[in-house]
Amino acid sequence: MIWILNALFDVQAQAIDRHGGEILKFMGDGLLAIFPIDDGATSDRAATSALEAAQEALAAVRHLNSEPPMMDEPPLEIVVALHVGTVVYGNIGAAGRLDFTVIGPAVNLVSRLEATAKTLKTPIVLSDDFARAYGKPLISLGHYPLRGLAKPRELFVPVIGSQPARDYS
């Protein structure tokens, strides 16, 4: 199990790093990464980088399933939720145990998106804020209620050719 988790995190980390993202935290079998919009980066460039990293990570996880240690294991699957928003970052915790992380409504919203992606069986789900920042064509999944939010949010998936990108084979 440890080999599988480390291999899973490693292929995702490589994709995130190649596209300028930063992993902030590993949580169980998931991770939290950011693509900062600072140092001259624009929101559309950060959004493009995040989506490219997500697509690369999905492909890498599919390839990982063909590795010998995975032959008798169920296939690994991941979902990716992408959102653009403002966060507060810093060391959070108790005096004897601090953890560098980000907090705020944007983090909560992306957590809700991730849960929705699993429900929809969609490998990548994008928020309406992400869609606005990205500025390129995406396919709307419609409006979905998200826990803790007063009104439904429009969700999107990437476009692969002329079809929704539900399977990145």
C-alpha atoms as a PDB file:
ATOM      1  CA  MET A   1       0.000   0.000   0.000  1.00  0.00           C
ATOM      2  CA  ILE A   2       2.825   2.419   0.810  1.00  0.00           C
ATOM      3  CA  TRP A   3       4.483   1.725  -2.564  1.00  0.00           C
ATOM      4  CA  ILE A   4       1.179   2.415  -4.317  1.00  0.00           C
ATOM      5  CA  LEU A   5       0.546   5.691  -2.473  1.00  0.00           C
ATOM      6  CA  ASN A   6       4.103   6.900  -2.975  1.00  0.00           C
ATOM      7  CA  ALA A   7       4.003   6.028  -6.684  1.00  0.00           C
ATOM      8  CA  LEU A   8       0.597   7.709  -7.031  1.00  0.00           C
ATOM      9  CA  PHE A   9       1.813  10.889  -5.320  1.00  0.00           C
ATOM     10  CA  ASP A  10       5.086  10.868  -7.243  1.00  0.00           C
ATOM     11  CA  VAL A  11       3.494  10.882 -10.711  1.00  0.00           C
ATOM     12  CA  GLN A  12       1.082  13.632  -9.670  1.00  0.00           C
ATOM     13  CA  ALA A  13       3.858  15.672  -8.048  1.00  0.00           C
ATOM     14  CA  GLN A  14       5.969  15.506 -11.193  1.00  0.00           C
ATOM     15  CA  ALA A  15       3.103  16.835 -13.324  1.00  0.00           C
ATOM     16  CA  ILE A  16       2.304  19.597 -10.831  1.00  0.00           C
ATOM     17  CA  ASP A  17       5.944  20.639 -10.562  1.00  0.00           C
ATOM     18  CA  ARG A  18       6.480  20.628 -14.349  1.00  0.00           C
ATOM     19  CA  HIS A  19       3.618  23.099 -14.722  1.00  0.00           C
ATOM     20  CA  GLY A  20       4.642  25.479 -11.942  1.00  0.00           C
ATOM     21  CA  GLY A  21       2.385  24.239  -9.166  1.00  0.00           C
ATOM     22  CA  GLU A  22       3.240  23.639  -5.537  1.00  0.00           C
ATOM     23  CA  ILE A  23       1.997  20.758  -3.403  1.00  0.00           C
ATOM     24  CA  LEU A  24       0.980  22.037   0.005  1.00  0.00           C
ATOM     25  CA  LYS A  25      -0.297  18.908   1.653  1.00  0.00           C
ATOM     26  CA  PHE A  26      -0.792  15.173   1.308  1.00  0.00           C
ATOM     27  CA  MET A  27      -4.054  14.069   2.922  1.00  0.00           C
ATOM     28  CA  GLY A  28      -4.732  10.338   3.004  1.00  0.00           C
ATOM     29  CA  ASP A  29      -4.795   9.346  -0.661  1.00  0.00           C
ATOM     30  CA  GLY A  30      -5.281  12.930  -1.877  1.00  0.00           C
ATOM     31  CA  LEU A  31      -3.260  16.086  -2.153  1.00  0.00           C
ATOM     32  CA  LEU A  32      -3.738  19.840  -2.180  1.00  0.00           C
ATOM     33  CA  ALA A  33      -1.750  21.890  -4.681  1.00  0.00           C
ATOM     34  CA  ILE A  34      -1.773  25.510  -5.761  1.00  0.00           C
ATOM     35  CA  PHE A  35      -0.750  27.320  -8.927  1.00  0.00           C
ATOM     36  CA  PRO A  36       0.089  30.802  -7.643  1.00  0.00           C
ATOM     37  CA  ILE A  37      -1.101  33.882  -9.475  1.00  0.00           C
ATOM     38  CA  ASP A  38       1.785  36.165  -8.601  1.00  0.00           C
ATOM     39  CA  ASP A  39       5.269  37.006  -9.812  1.00  0.00           C
ATOM     40  CA  GLY A  40       3.827  38.179 -13.116  1.00  0.00           C
ATOM     41  CA  ALA A  41       1.652  35.096 -13.714  1.00  0.00           C
ATOM     42  CA  THR A  42      -1.838  35.889 -14.919  1.00  0.00           C
ATOM     43  CA  SER A  43      -4.955  33.995 -13.884  1.00  0.00           C
ATOM     44  CA  ASP A  44      -5.386  32.560 -17.391  1.00  0.00           C
ATOM     45  CA  ARG A  45      -1.792  31.272 -17.417  1.00  0.00           C
ATOM     46  CA  ALA A  46      -2.145  29.756 -13.937  1.00  0.00           C
ATOM     47  CA  ALA A  47      -5.453  28.125 -14.950  1.00  0.00           C
ATOM     48  CA  THR A  48      -3.915  26.733 -18.142  1.00  0.00           C
ATOM     49  CA  SER A  49      -0.950  25.366 -16.186  1.00  0.00           C
ATOM     50  CA  ALA A  50      -3.226  23.749 -13.607  1.00  0.00           C
ATOM     51  CA  LEU A  51      -5.374  22.085 -16.278  1.00  0.00           C
ATOM     52  CA  GLU A  52      -2.315  20.846 -18.180  1.00  0.00           C
ATOM     53  CA  ALA A  53      -0.899  19.400 -14.944  1.00  0.00           C
ATOM     54  CA  ALA A  54      -4.224  17.706 -14.178  1.00  0.00           C
ATOM     55  CA  GLN A  55      -4.415  16.088 -17.607  1.00  0.00           C
ATOM     56  CA  GLU A  56      -0.781  14.972 -17.392  1.00  0.00           C
ATOM     57  CA  ALA A  57      -1.340  13.528 -13.902  1.00  0.00           C
ATOM     58  CA  LEU A  58      -4.377  11.564 -15.085  1.00  0.00           C
ATOM     59  CA  ALA A  59      -2.383  10.075 -17.951  1.00  0.00           C
ATOM     60  CA  ALA A  60       0.498   9.225 -15.594  1.00  0.00           C
ATOM     61  CA  VAL A  61      -1.845   7.462 -13.166  1.00  0.00           C
ATOM     62  CA  ARG A  62      -3.306   5.400 -16.036  1.00  0.00           C
ATOM     63  CA  HIS A  63       0.239   4.428 -17.037  1.00  0.00           C
ATOM     64  CA  LEU A  64       1.045   3.546 -13.423  1.00  0.00           C
ATOM     65  CA  ASN A  65      -1.743   0.963 -13.544  1.00  0.00           C
ATOM     66  CA  SER A  66       0.322  -1.034 -16.057  1.00  0.00           C
ATOM     67  CA  GLU A  67       3.379  -1.220 -13.752  1.00  0.00           C
ATOM     68  CA  PRO A  68       4.209  -4.750 -12.448  1.00  0.00           C
ATOM     69  CA  PRO A  69       3.387  -4.017  -8.772  1.00  0.00           C
ATOM     70  CA  MET A  70      -0.122  -2.978  -9.877  1.00  0.00           C
ATOM     71  CA  MET A  71      -0.921  -6.115 -11.901  1.00  0.00           C
ATOM     72  CA  ASP A  72      -3.047  -7.764  -9.181  1.00  0.00           C
ATOM     73  CA  GLU A  73      -4.432  -4.523  -7.781  1.00  0.00           C
ATOM     74  CA  PRO A  74      -7.608  -2.689  -8.714  1.00  0.00           C
ATOM     75  CA  PRO A  75      -6.874   0.181 -11.117  1.00  0.00           C
ATOM     76  CA  LEU A  76      -6.001   3.505  -9.543  1.00  0.00           C
ATOM     77  CA  GLU A  77      -8.302   6.384 -10.355  1.00  0.00           C
ATOM     78  CA  ILE A  78      -8.060  10.012  -9.350  1.00  0.00           C
ATOM     79  CA  VAL A  79     -10.318  13.011  -9.694  1.00  0.00           C
ATOM     80  CA  VAL A  80      -9.112  16.576  -9.948  1.00  0.00           C
ATOM     81  CA  ALA A  81     -11.055  19.660  -8.922  1.00  0.00           C
ATOM     82  CA  LEU A  82      -9.824  23.043 -10.162  1.00  0.00           C
ATOM     83  CA  HIS A  83     -10.937  26.429  -8.892  1.00  0.00           C
ATOM     84  CA  VAL A  84      -9.529  29.964  -8.949  1.00  0.00           C
ATOM     85  CA  GLY A  85      -9.876  31.952  -5.748  1.00  0.00           C
ATOM     86  CA  THR A  86      -8.143  33.832  -2.996  1.00  0.00           C
ATOM     87  CA  VAL A  87      -6.600  31.946  -0.081  1.00  0.00           C
ATOM     88  CA  VAL A  88      -4.810  32.823   3.112  1.00  0.00           C
ATOM     89  CA  TYR A  89      -1.669  30.842   3.789  1.00  0.00           C
ATOM     90  CA  GLY A  90       0.605  30.303   6.720  1.00  0.00           C
ATOM     91  CA  ASN A  91       1.462  28.014   9.595  1.00  0.00           C
ATOM     92  CA  ILE A  92      -1.693  26.764  11.277  1.00  0.00           C
ATOM     93  CA  GLY A  93      -1.996  24.515  14.298  1.00  0.00           C
ATOM     94  CA  ALA A  94      -0.882  24.175  17.879  1.00  0.00           C
ATOM     95  CA  ALA A  95       2.334  25.503  19.389  1.00  0.00           C
ATOM     96  CA  GLY A  96       3.950  22.057  19.220  1.00  0.00           C
ATOM     97  CA  ARG A  97       2.638  21.069  15.791  1.00  0.00           C
ATOM     98  CA  LEU A  98       2.295  23.634  13.010  1.00  0.00           C
ATOM     99  CA  ASP A  99       1.344  22.822   9.445  1.00  0.00           C
ATOM    100  CA  PHE A 100       1.877  25.160   6.480  1.00  0.00           C
ATOM    101  CA  THR A 101      -1.380  25.299   4.556  1.00  0.00           C
ATOM    102  CA  VAL A 102      -3.958  27.466   2.834  1.00  0.00           C
ATOM    103  CA  ILE A 103      -7.400  28.247   4.197  1.00  0.00           C
ATOM    104  CA  GLY A 104     -10.463  30.145   3.070  1.00  0.00           C
ATOM    105  CA  PRO A 105     -13.642  29.805   1.044  1.00  0.00           C
ATOM    106  CA  ALA A 106     -11.701  28.830  -2.113  1.00  0.00           C
ATOM    107  CA  VAL A 107     -10.232  25.779  -0.350  1.00  0.00           C
ATOM    108  CA  ASN A 108     -13.672  24.780   0.934  1.00  0.00           C
ATOM    109  CA  LEU A 109     -15.188  25.167  -2.527  1.00  0.00           C
ATOM    110  CA  VAL A 110     -12.548  23.025  -4.232  1.00  0.00           C
ATOM    111  CA  SER A 111     -13.172  20.323  -1.621  1.00  0.00           C
ATOM    112  CA  ARG A 112     -16.879  20.371  -2.565  1.00  0.00           C
ATOM    113  CA  LEU A 113     -15.930  20.212  -6.258  1.00  0.00           C
ATOM    114  CA  GLU A 114     -13.769  17.156  -5.646  1.00  0.00           C
ATOM    115  CA  ALA A 115     -16.665  15.350  -3.963  1.00  0.00           C
ATOM    116  CA  THR A 116     -18.953  16.304  -6.871  1.00  0.00           C
ATOM    117  CA  ALA A 117     -16.405  15.029  -9.410  1.00  0.00           C
ATOM    118  CA  LYS A 118     -16.502  11.633  -7.699  1.00  0.00           C
ATOM    119  CA  THR A 119     -20.305  11.602  -7.755  1.00  0.00           C
ATOM    120  CA  LEU A 120     -20.359  12.545 -11.435  1.00  0.00           C
ATOM    121  CA  LYS A 121     -17.579  10.037 -12.237  1.00  0.00           C
ATOM    122  CA  THR A 122     -15.750  12.861 -13.999  1.00  0.00           C
ATOM    123  CA  PRO A 123     -11.944  12.864 -13.762  1.00  0.00           C
ATOM    124  CA  ILE A 124     -11.690  16.664 -13.877  1.00  0.00           C
ATOM    125  CA  VAL A 125     -14.289  19.164 -12.751  1.00  0.00           C
ATOM    126  CA  LEU A 126     -13.801  22.908 -13.102  1.00  0.00           C
ATOM    127  CA  SER A 127     -15.564  25.716 -11.257  1.00  0.00           C
ATOM    128  CA  ASP A 128     -17.231  28.654 -12.951  1.00  0.00           C
ATOM    129  CA  ASP A 129     -14.496  30.900 -11.519  1.00  0.00           C
ATOM    130  CA  PHE A 130     -11.880  28.648 -13.099  1.00  0.00           C
ATOM    131  CA  ALA A 131     -13.749  28.801 -16.426  1.00  0.00           C
ATOM    132  CA  ARG A 132     -13.717  32.613 -16.357  1.00  0.00           C
ATOM    133  CA  ALA A 133      -9.982  32.724 -15.558  1.00  0.00           C
ATOM    134  CA  TYR A 134      -9.143  30.054 -18.149  1.00  0.00           C
ATOM    135  CA  GLY A 135     -10.946  31.941 -20.914  1.00  0.00           C
ATOM    136  CA  LYS A 136     -10.920  29.081 -23.444  1.00  0.00           C
ATOM    137  CA  PRO A 137     -13.773  26.779 -24.478  1.00  0.00           C
ATOM    138  CA  LEU A 138     -15.018  24.315 -21.869  1.00  0.00           C
ATOM    139  CA  ILE A 139     -18.119  22.151 -21.688  1.00  0.00           C
ATOM    140  CA  SER A 140     -20.747  23.029 -19.098  1.00  0.00           C
ATOM    141  CA  LEU A 141     -22.099  20.225 -16.945  1.00  0.00           C
ATOM    142  CA  GLY A 142     -24.871  22.507 -15.723  1.00  0.00           C
ATOM    143  CA  HIS A 143     -25.520  23.969 -12.292  1.00  0.00           C
ATOM    144  CA  TYR A 144     -24.966  21.856  -9.179  1.00  0.00           C
ATOM    145  CA  PRO A 145     -25.697  22.521  -5.534  1.00  0.00           C
ATOM    146  CA  LEU A 146     -22.562  22.351  -3.398  1.00  0.00           C
ATOM    147  CA  ARG A 147     -22.743  21.713   0.331  1.00  0.00           C
ATOM    148  CA  GLY A 148     -22.586  24.909   2.340  1.00  0.00           C
ATOM    149  CA  LEU A 149     -23.250  27.247  -0.592  1.00  0.00           C
ATOM    150  CA  ALA A 150     -26.510  29.170  -0.928  1.00  0.00           C
ATOM    151  CA  LYS A 151     -26.892  28.770  -4.679  1.00  0.00           C
ATOM    152  CA  PRO A 152     -25.803  26.165  -7.245  1.00  0.00           C
ATOM    153  CA  ARG A 153     -22.565  26.697  -9.172  1.00  0.00           C
ATOM    154  CA  GLU A 154     -22.007  26.004 -12.846  1.00  0.00           C
ATOM    155  CA  LEU A 155     -19.432  23.266 -13.344  1.00  0.00           C
ATOM    156  CA  PHE A 156     -17.364  22.468 -16.416  1.00  0.00           C
ATOM    157  CA  VAL A 157     -15.151  19.793 -17.936  1.00  0.00           C
ATOM    158  CA  PRO A 158     -12.307  20.290 -20.412  1.00  0.00           C
ATOM    159  CA  VAL A 159     -12.844  19.893 -24.119  1.00  0.00           C
ATOM    160  CA  ILE A 160     -10.958  17.118 -25.896  1.00  0.00           C
ATOM    161  CA  GLY A 161     -11.628  17.514 -29.605  1.00  0.00           C
ATOM    162  CA  SER A 162     -15.376  18.110 -29.716  1.00  0.00           C
ATOM    163  CA  GLN A 163     -16.364  15.837 -26.808  1.00  0.00           C
ATOM    164  CA  PRO A 164     -16.478  16.311 -23.047  1.00  0.00           C
ATOM    165  CA  ALA A 165     -13.284  15.022 -21.499  1.00  0.00           C
ATOM    166  CA  ARG A 166     -14.753  12.311 -19.270  1.00  0.00           C
ATOM    167  CA  ASP A 167     -12.121   9.706 -20.098  1.00  0.00           C
ATOM    168  CA  TYR A 168      -8.596  10.856 -20.776  1.00  0.00           C
ATOM    169  CA  SER A 169      -7.435   7.640 -22.505  1.00  0.00           C
END
